Amino acid sequence: MLITYLFSIIIFLLIGNFYQLKIFLSAFIHRRHKITVITDRWITQTIKKKTSLALKRLIIFEDQKPYGMMPGLPIKPTMILSRGLYETFTRDELEWVILHEAGHWVLRHGLKAGAIQLAFLITGLWIMVLFHFAAVLSVLTACLFSLLAIRTIRRLIEYDADRYSIERVSNPQGVITAQAKFRQAYKNNWENRLSRLLFSWNVYPSERIKMAKKQISNR
């Protein structure tokens, strides 16, 4: 049974961190996704001014798909942007992205997401042990609790980062136009339509647009 539980833990972690692992593996293993360290004073100064975070390093993943991220471990603050996002998003659109990612760091979302995943993992393992689940049922339980963890992270953490960033952007209209670019970039990929629904932590573009419009009306 120990092997079954270990395998279930691996399945849980792979599903729960699908997109993060996918991006990092493509950057560090796939040759076409090289890494470039850049200096952009506008980005670092904007983040410092609006979040009080002193960004230490800015990395560009040489990938044309638009995305951004910020490792959540309590170490040197490092932001990652794809080349496609960095070069095609306007400053208003880019400001929302960088404030969203900086918000994850400031609000300690990496640690909170880890705590949420750990809670769901322990609960799932407790159920497996309590009811003496066989291998197949254990794996299915791991899958279910991992998907539940994703939905919880999306609701408690990603919405929090969106609220944090949208309240601080200079022009909320940039949030709205950024969603159109994300939709355009991923619309023809069936994998992203399905897997983002199930495995991505991100808030749906329509929800971000609602938040941005509300912010516009409040100003």
C-alpha atoms as a PDB file:
ATOM      1  CA  MET A   1       0.000   0.000   0.000  1.00  0.00           C
ATOM      2  CA  LEU A   2       2.900   2.364   0.619  1.00  0.00           C
ATOM      3  CA  ILE A   3       3.720   2.354  -3.087  1.00  0.00           C
ATOM      4  CA  THR A   4       0.082   3.103  -3.889  1.00  0.00           C
ATOM      5  CA  TYR A   5       0.075   6.078  -1.513  1.00  0.00           C
ATOM      6  CA  LEU A   6       3.355   7.419  -2.910  1.00  0.00           C
ATOM      7  CA  PHE A   7       2.032   7.095  -6.455  1.00  0.00           C
ATOM      8  CA  SER A   8      -1.184   8.869  -5.421  1.00  0.00           C
ATOM      9  CA  ILE A   9       0.835  11.731  -3.931  1.00  0.00           C
ATOM     10  CA  ILE A  10       2.779  12.102  -7.180  1.00  0.00           C
ATOM     11  CA  ILE A  11      -0.447  12.122  -9.203  1.00  0.00           C
ATOM     12  CA  PHE A  12      -1.925  14.740  -6.861  1.00  0.00           C
ATOM     13  CA  LEU A  13       1.081  17.038  -7.239  1.00  0.00           C
ATOM     14  CA  LEU A  14       1.321  16.610 -11.008  1.00  0.00           C
ATOM     15  CA  ILE A  15      -2.340  17.474 -11.541  1.00  0.00           C
ATOM     16  CA  GLY A  16      -2.389  20.314  -9.023  1.00  0.00           C
ATOM     17  CA  ASN A  17       0.674  22.005 -10.540  1.00  0.00           C
ATOM     18  CA  PHE A  18       0.134  21.033 -14.174  1.00  0.00           C
ATOM     19  CA  TYR A  19       0.582  24.450 -15.760  1.00  0.00           C
ATOM     20  CA  GLN A  20       3.443  25.574 -13.574  1.00  0.00           C
ATOM     21  CA  LEU A  21       5.347  22.371 -14.358  1.00  0.00           C
ATOM     22  CA  LYS A  22       4.505  22.625 -18.042  1.00  0.00           C
ATOM     23  CA  ILE A  23       5.919  26.134 -18.355  1.00  0.00           C
ATOM     24  CA  PHE A  24       9.081  25.406 -16.370  1.00  0.00           C
ATOM     25  CA  LEU A  25       9.787  22.192 -18.239  1.00  0.00           C
ATOM     26  CA  SER A  26       9.333  23.921 -21.580  1.00  0.00           C
ATOM     27  CA  ALA A  27      11.731  26.655 -20.487  1.00  0.00           C
ATOM     28  CA  PHE A  28      14.464  24.507 -18.998  1.00  0.00           C
ATOM     29  CA  ILE A  29      14.278  21.455 -21.250  1.00  0.00           C
ATOM     30  CA  HIS A  30      12.822  22.525 -24.581  1.00  0.00           C
ATOM     31  CA  ARG A  31      15.600  24.264 -26.501  1.00  0.00           C
ATOM     32  CA  ARG A  32      13.422  26.825 -28.240  1.00  0.00           C
ATOM     33  CA  HIS A  33      12.360  28.316 -24.904  1.00  0.00           C
ATOM     34  CA  LYS A  34      15.582  29.976 -23.833  1.00  0.00           C
ATOM     35  CA  ILE A  35      15.892  32.278 -20.842  1.00  0.00           C
ATOM     36  CA  THR A  36      17.013  35.906 -20.947  1.00  0.00           C
ATOM     37  CA  VAL A  37      17.639  38.098 -17.887  1.00  0.00           C
ATOM     38  CA  ILE A  38      16.758  41.709 -18.671  1.00  0.00           C
ATOM     39  CA  THR A  39      16.615  45.123 -16.999  1.00  0.00           C
ATOM     40  CA  ASP A  40      13.439  47.173 -17.361  1.00  0.00           C
ATOM     41  CA  ARG A  41      13.333  50.183 -15.088  1.00  0.00           C
ATOM     42  CA  TRP A  42       9.702  50.944 -15.862  1.00  0.00           C
ATOM     43  CA  ILE A  43       8.648  47.512 -14.598  1.00  0.00           C
ATOM     44  CA  THR A  44      10.781  47.579 -11.452  1.00  0.00           C
ATOM     45  CA  GLN A  45       9.803  51.164 -10.607  1.00  0.00           C
ATOM     46  CA  THR A  46       6.097  50.531 -11.218  1.00  0.00           C
ATOM     47  CA  ILE A  47       6.135  47.485  -8.955  1.00  0.00           C
ATOM     48  CA  LYS A  48       8.066  49.345  -6.269  1.00  0.00           C
ATOM     49  CA  LYS A  49       5.742  52.338  -6.396  1.00  0.00           C
ATOM     50  CA  LYS A  50       2.465  50.419  -6.330  1.00  0.00           C
ATOM     51  CA  THR A  51       3.299  47.369  -4.209  1.00  0.00           C
ATOM     52  CA  SER A  52       6.456  48.405  -2.270  1.00  0.00           C
ATOM     53  CA  LEU A  53       8.144  45.245  -3.588  1.00  0.00           C
ATOM     54  CA  ALA A  54      11.759  45.592  -4.690  1.00  0.00           C
ATOM     55  CA  LEU A  55      12.017  43.212  -7.627  1.00  0.00           C
ATOM     56  CA  LYS A  56      15.468  41.616  -7.754  1.00  0.00           C
ATOM     57  CA  ARG A  57      15.401  39.904 -11.124  1.00  0.00           C
ATOM     58  CA  LEU A  58      13.302  39.961 -14.306  1.00  0.00           C
ATOM     59  CA  ILE A  59      13.485  36.934 -16.585  1.00  0.00           C
ATOM     60  CA  ILE A  60      12.117  36.550 -20.097  1.00  0.00           C
ATOM     61  CA  PHE A  61      11.151  33.074 -21.274  1.00  0.00           C
ATOM     62  CA  GLU A  62      11.702  33.050 -25.029  1.00  0.00           C
ATOM     63  CA  ASP A  63       8.210  31.793 -25.778  1.00  0.00           C
ATOM     64  CA  GLN A  64       5.620  33.521 -27.944  1.00  0.00           C
ATOM     65  CA  LYS A  65       2.653  32.366 -25.859  1.00  0.00           C
ATOM     66  CA  PRO A  66       1.686  35.159 -23.427  1.00  0.00           C
ATOM     67  CA  TYR A  67       2.042  34.396 -19.722  1.00  0.00           C
ATOM     68  CA  GLY A  68       3.685  35.647 -16.554  1.00  0.00           C
ATOM     69  CA  MET A  69       4.528  34.143 -13.190  1.00  0.00           C
ATOM     70  CA  MET A  70       6.428  34.736 -10.018  1.00  0.00           C
ATOM     71  CA  PRO A  71       7.926  31.881  -7.988  1.00  0.00           C
ATOM     72  CA  GLY A  72       6.223  31.964  -4.611  1.00  0.00           C
ATOM     73  CA  LEU A  73       9.059  30.754  -2.403  1.00  0.00           C
ATOM     74  CA  PRO A  74      10.303  33.324   0.145  1.00  0.00           C
ATOM     75  CA  ILE A  75      13.580  33.932  -1.676  1.00  0.00           C
ATOM     76  CA  LYS A  76      14.882  36.635  -4.011  1.00  0.00           C
ATOM     77  CA  PRO A  77      11.796  38.209  -5.722  1.00  0.00           C
ATOM     78  CA  THR A  78      11.992  37.119  -9.368  1.00  0.00           C
ATOM     79  CA  MET A  79       9.400  37.787 -12.047  1.00  0.00           C
ATOM     80  CA  ILE A  80       9.041  35.708 -15.209  1.00  0.00           C
ATOM     81  CA  LEU A  81       7.376  37.011 -18.358  1.00  0.00           C
ATOM     82  CA  SER A  82       7.162  35.353 -21.737  1.00  0.00           C
ATOM     83  CA  ARG A  83       8.616  37.153 -24.746  1.00  0.00           C
ATOM     84  CA  GLY A  84       5.201  37.069 -26.404  1.00  0.00           C
ATOM     85  CA  LEU A  85       3.636  38.925 -23.499  1.00  0.00           C
ATOM     86  CA  TYR A  86       6.508  41.342 -22.953  1.00  0.00           C
ATOM     87  CA  GLU A  87       6.628  42.502 -26.572  1.00  0.00           C
ATOM     88  CA  THR A  88       2.943  42.511 -27.558  1.00  0.00           C
ATOM     89  CA  PHE A  89       1.163  43.853 -24.469  1.00  0.00           C
ATOM     90  CA  THR A  90       0.749  47.607 -24.108  1.00  0.00           C
ATOM     91  CA  ARG A  91       1.961  49.301 -20.946  1.00  0.00           C
ATOM     92  CA  ASP A  92      -1.563  49.399 -19.521  1.00  0.00           C
ATOM     93  CA  GLU A  93      -1.931  45.665 -20.183  1.00  0.00           C
ATOM     94  CA  LEU A  94       1.555  44.868 -18.950  1.00  0.00           C
ATOM     95  CA  GLU A  95       1.032  46.919 -15.793  1.00  0.00           C
ATOM     96  CA  TRP A  96      -1.874  44.698 -14.789  1.00  0.00           C
ATOM     97  CA  VAL A  97       0.176  41.538 -15.394  1.00  0.00           C
ATOM     98  CA  ILE A  98       3.181  42.671 -13.367  1.00  0.00           C
ATOM     99  CA  LEU A  99       1.025  43.954 -10.488  1.00  0.00           C
ATOM    100  CA  HIS A 100      -0.909  40.687 -10.487  1.00  0.00           C
ATOM    101  CA  GLU A 101       2.304  38.665 -10.262  1.00  0.00           C
ATOM    102  CA  ALA A 102       3.832  41.015  -7.684  1.00  0.00           C
ATOM    103  CA  GLY A 103       0.615  40.679  -5.693  1.00  0.00           C
ATOM    104  CA  HIS A 104       1.197  36.948  -5.419  1.00  0.00           C
ATOM    105  CA  TRP A 105       4.524  37.652  -3.729  1.00  0.00           C
ATOM    106  CA  VAL A 106       3.340  40.465  -1.471  1.00  0.00           C
ATOM    107  CA  LEU A 107       0.312  38.475  -0.304  1.00  0.00           C
ATOM    108  CA  ARG A 108       2.374  35.289   0.214  1.00  0.00           C
ATOM    109  CA  HIS A 109       0.189  33.344  -2.172  1.00  0.00           C
ATOM    110  CA  GLY A 110       2.845  30.735  -2.884  1.00  0.00           C
ATOM    111  CA  LEU A 111       2.877  29.649   0.744  1.00  0.00           C
ATOM    112  CA  LYS A 112      -0.914  29.796   0.981  1.00  0.00           C
ATOM    113  CA  ALA A 113      -1.336  27.693  -2.156  1.00  0.00           C
ATOM    114  CA  GLY A 114       1.082  25.157  -0.725  1.00  0.00           C
ATOM    115  CA  ALA A 115      -0.910  25.028   2.504  1.00  0.00           C
ATOM    116  CA  ILE A 116      -4.161  24.491   0.594  1.00  0.00           C
ATOM    117  CA  GLN A 117      -2.657  21.679  -1.451  1.00  0.00           C
ATOM    118  CA  LEU A 118      -1.211  20.074   1.664  1.00  0.00           C
ATOM    119  CA  ALA A 119      -4.596  20.186   3.412  1.00  0.00           C
ATOM    120  CA  PHE A 120      -6.360  18.510   0.491  1.00  0.00           C
ATOM    121  CA  LEU A 121      -3.563  15.970   0.095  1.00  0.00           C
ATOM    122  CA  ILE A 122      -3.663  14.968   3.764  1.00  0.00           C
ATOM    123  CA  THR A 123      -7.464  14.718   3.665  1.00  0.00           C
ATOM    124  CA  GLY A 124      -7.337  12.521   0.585  1.00  0.00           C
ATOM    125  CA  LEU A 125      -4.698  10.247   2.104  1.00  0.00           C
ATOM    126  CA  TRP A 126      -6.674  10.006   5.344  1.00  0.00           C
ATOM    127  CA  ILE A 127      -9.730   8.826   3.404  1.00  0.00           C
ATOM    128  CA  MET A 128      -7.636   6.281   1.465  1.00  0.00           C
ATOM    129  CA  VAL A 129      -6.233   4.820   4.674  1.00  0.00           C
ATOM    130  CA  LEU A 130      -9.504   4.964   6.610  1.00  0.00           C
ATOM    131  CA  PHE A 131     -11.472   3.059   3.976  1.00  0.00           C
ATOM    132  CA  HIS A 132      -8.582   0.882   2.767  1.00  0.00           C
ATOM    133  CA  PHE A 133      -8.906   2.013  -0.827  1.00  0.00           C
ATOM    134  CA  ALA A 134      -7.354  -0.178  -3.511  1.00  0.00           C
ATOM    135  CA  ALA A 135      -4.831   1.256  -5.982  1.00  0.00           C
ATOM    136  CA  VAL A 136      -7.305   2.428  -8.631  1.00  0.00           C
ATOM    137  CA  LEU A 137      -9.655   4.059  -6.140  1.00  0.00           C
ATOM    138  CA  SER A 138      -6.700   5.707  -4.377  1.00  0.00           C
ATOM    139  CA  VAL A 139      -5.509   7.267  -7.617  1.00  0.00           C
ATOM    140  CA  LEU A 140      -9.026   8.470  -8.442  1.00  0.00           C
ATOM    141  CA  THR A 141      -9.262  10.007  -4.979  1.00  0.00           C
ATOM    142  CA  ALA A 142      -5.946  11.785  -5.502  1.00  0.00           C
ATOM    143  CA  CYS A 143      -7.214  13.164  -8.829  1.00  0.00           C
ATOM    144  CA  LEU A 144     -10.467  14.377  -7.285  1.00  0.00           C
ATOM    145  CA  PHE A 145      -8.840  16.108  -4.317  1.00  0.00           C
ATOM    146  CA  SER A 146      -6.225  17.708  -6.548  1.00  0.00           C
ATOM    147  CA  LEU A 147      -8.951  19.201  -8.763  1.00  0.00           C
ATOM    148  CA  LEU A 148     -10.755  20.439  -5.648  1.00  0.00           C
ATOM    149  CA  ALA A 149      -7.521  22.061  -4.466  1.00  0.00           C
ATOM    150  CA  ILE A 150      -7.187  23.833  -7.818  1.00  0.00           C
ATOM    151  CA  ARG A 151     -10.703  25.244  -7.575  1.00  0.00           C
ATOM    152  CA  THR A 152     -10.017  26.419  -4.016  1.00  0.00           C
ATOM    153  CA  ILE A 153      -6.768  28.103  -5.037  1.00  0.00           C
ATOM    154  CA  ARG A 154      -8.524  29.761  -7.960  1.00  0.00           C
ATOM    155  CA  ARG A 155     -11.253  31.105  -5.699  1.00  0.00           C
ATOM    156  CA  LEU A 156      -9.159  32.185  -2.690  1.00  0.00           C
ATOM    157  CA  ILE A 157      -5.809  33.132  -4.229  1.00  0.00           C
ATOM    158  CA  GLU A 158      -6.161  34.057  -7.892  1.00  0.00           C
ATOM    159  CA  TYR A 159      -9.206  36.223  -7.250  1.00  0.00           C
ATOM    160  CA  ASP A 160      -7.236  37.902  -4.466  1.00  0.00           C
ATOM    161  CA  ALA A 161      -4.345  38.683  -6.828  1.00  0.00           C
ATOM    162  CA  ASP A 162      -6.752  40.041  -9.434  1.00  0.00           C
ATOM    163  CA  ARG A 163      -8.478  42.294  -6.933  1.00  0.00           C
ATOM    164  CA  TYR A 164      -5.113  43.484  -5.622  1.00  0.00           C
ATOM    165  CA  SER A 165      -3.800  44.342  -9.091  1.00  0.00           C
ATOM    166  CA  ILE A 166      -6.980  45.809 -10.581  1.00  0.00           C
ATOM    167  CA  GLU A 167      -7.313  48.198  -7.639  1.00  0.00           C
ATOM    168  CA  ARG A 168      -3.794  49.501  -8.363  1.00  0.00           C
ATOM    169  CA  VAL A 169      -3.598  49.761 -12.158  1.00  0.00           C
ATOM    170  CA  SER A 170      -3.538  53.207 -13.705  1.00  0.00           C
ATOM    171  CA  ASN A 171      -6.002  52.208 -16.431  1.00  0.00           C
ATOM    172  CA  PRO A 172      -8.374  49.261 -15.773  1.00  0.00           C
ATOM    173  CA  GLN A 173      -9.170  49.222 -19.484  1.00  0.00           C
ATOM    174  CA  GLY A 174      -5.790  47.560 -19.935  1.00  0.00           C
ATOM    175  CA  VAL A 175      -7.064  44.589 -17.928  1.00  0.00           C
ATOM    176  CA  ILE A 176      -9.943  44.191 -20.379  1.00  0.00           C
ATOM    177  CA  THR A 177      -7.839  44.388 -23.538  1.00  0.00           C
ATOM    178  CA  ALA A 178      -5.284  41.994 -22.028  1.00  0.00           C
ATOM    179  CA  GLN A 179      -8.004  39.344 -21.698  1.00  0.00           C
ATOM    180  CA  ALA A 180      -8.769  39.665 -25.415  1.00  0.00           C
ATOM    181  CA  LYS A 181      -5.114  38.987 -26.202  1.00  0.00           C
ATOM    182  CA  PHE A 182      -5.038  35.947 -23.922  1.00  0.00           C
ATOM    183  CA  ARG A 183      -8.169  34.573 -25.556  1.00  0.00           C
ATOM    184  CA  GLN A 184      -6.758  35.122 -29.030  1.00  0.00           C
ATOM    185  CA  ALA A 185      -3.487  33.427 -28.154  1.00  0.00           C
ATOM    186  CA  TYR A 186      -5.121  30.272 -26.814  1.00  0.00           C
ATOM    187  CA  LYS A 187      -8.390  30.007 -28.730  1.00  0.00           C
ATOM    188  CA  ASN A 188      -7.268  27.419 -31.302  1.00  0.00           C
ATOM    189  CA  ASN A 189      -5.699  25.028 -28.840  1.00  0.00           C
ATOM    190  CA  TRP A 190      -8.202  22.397 -27.665  1.00  0.00           C
ATOM    191  CA  GLU A 191      -5.817  21.372 -24.918  1.00  0.00           C
ATOM    192  CA  ASN A 192      -5.906  24.821 -23.378  1.00  0.00           C
ATOM    193  CA  ARG A 193      -9.688  25.037 -23.572  1.00  0.00           C
ATOM    194  CA  LEU A 194     -10.128  21.830 -21.604  1.00  0.00           C
ATOM    195  CA  SER A 195      -7.010  21.659 -19.470  1.00  0.00           C
ATOM    196  CA  ARG A 196      -7.194  25.292 -18.401  1.00  0.00           C
ATOM    197  CA  LEU A 197     -10.760  24.695 -17.237  1.00  0.00           C
ATOM    198  CA  LEU A 198      -9.671  21.733 -15.120  1.00  0.00           C
ATOM    199  CA  PHE A 199      -6.035  22.314 -14.208  1.00  0.00           C
ATOM    200  CA  SER A 200      -5.305  26.046 -14.319  1.00  0.00           C
ATOM    201  CA  TRP A 201      -5.379  28.204 -11.203  1.00  0.00           C
ATOM    202  CA  ASN A 202      -6.218  31.301 -13.255  1.00  0.00           C
ATOM    203  CA  VAL A 203      -9.502  33.187 -13.065  1.00  0.00           C
ATOM    204  CA  TYR A 204     -11.604  33.130 -16.235  1.00  0.00           C
ATOM    205  CA  PRO A 205     -11.150  36.221 -18.471  1.00  0.00           C
ATOM    206  CA  SER A 206     -14.860  37.071 -18.207  1.00  0.00           C
ATOM    207  CA  GLU A 207     -14.531  37.374 -14.415  1.00  0.00           C
ATOM    208  CA  ARG A 208     -11.499  39.632 -14.724  1.00  0.00           C
ATOM    209  CA  ILE A 209     -13.379  41.832 -17.179  1.00  0.00           C
ATOM    210  CA  LYS A 210     -16.244  42.172 -14.680  1.00  0.00           C
ATOM    211  CA  MET A 211     -13.816  43.236 -11.955  1.00  0.00           C
ATOM    212  CA  ALA A 212     -12.133  45.758 -14.262  1.00  0.00           C
ATOM    213  CA  LYS A 213     -15.457  47.266 -15.341  1.00  0.00           C
ATOM    214  CA  LYS A 214     -16.495  47.584 -11.713  1.00  0.00           C
ATOM    215  CA  GLN A 215     -13.227  49.363 -10.946  1.00  0.00           C
ATOM    216  CA  ILE A 216     -13.832  51.757 -13.864  1.00  0.00           C
ATOM    217  CA  SER A 217     -17.321  52.560 -12.606  1.00  0.00           C
ATOM    218  CA  ASN A 218     -16.010  53.224  -9.108  1.00  0.00           C
ATOM    219  CA  ARG A 219     -13.468  55.801 -10.242  1.00  0.00           C
END
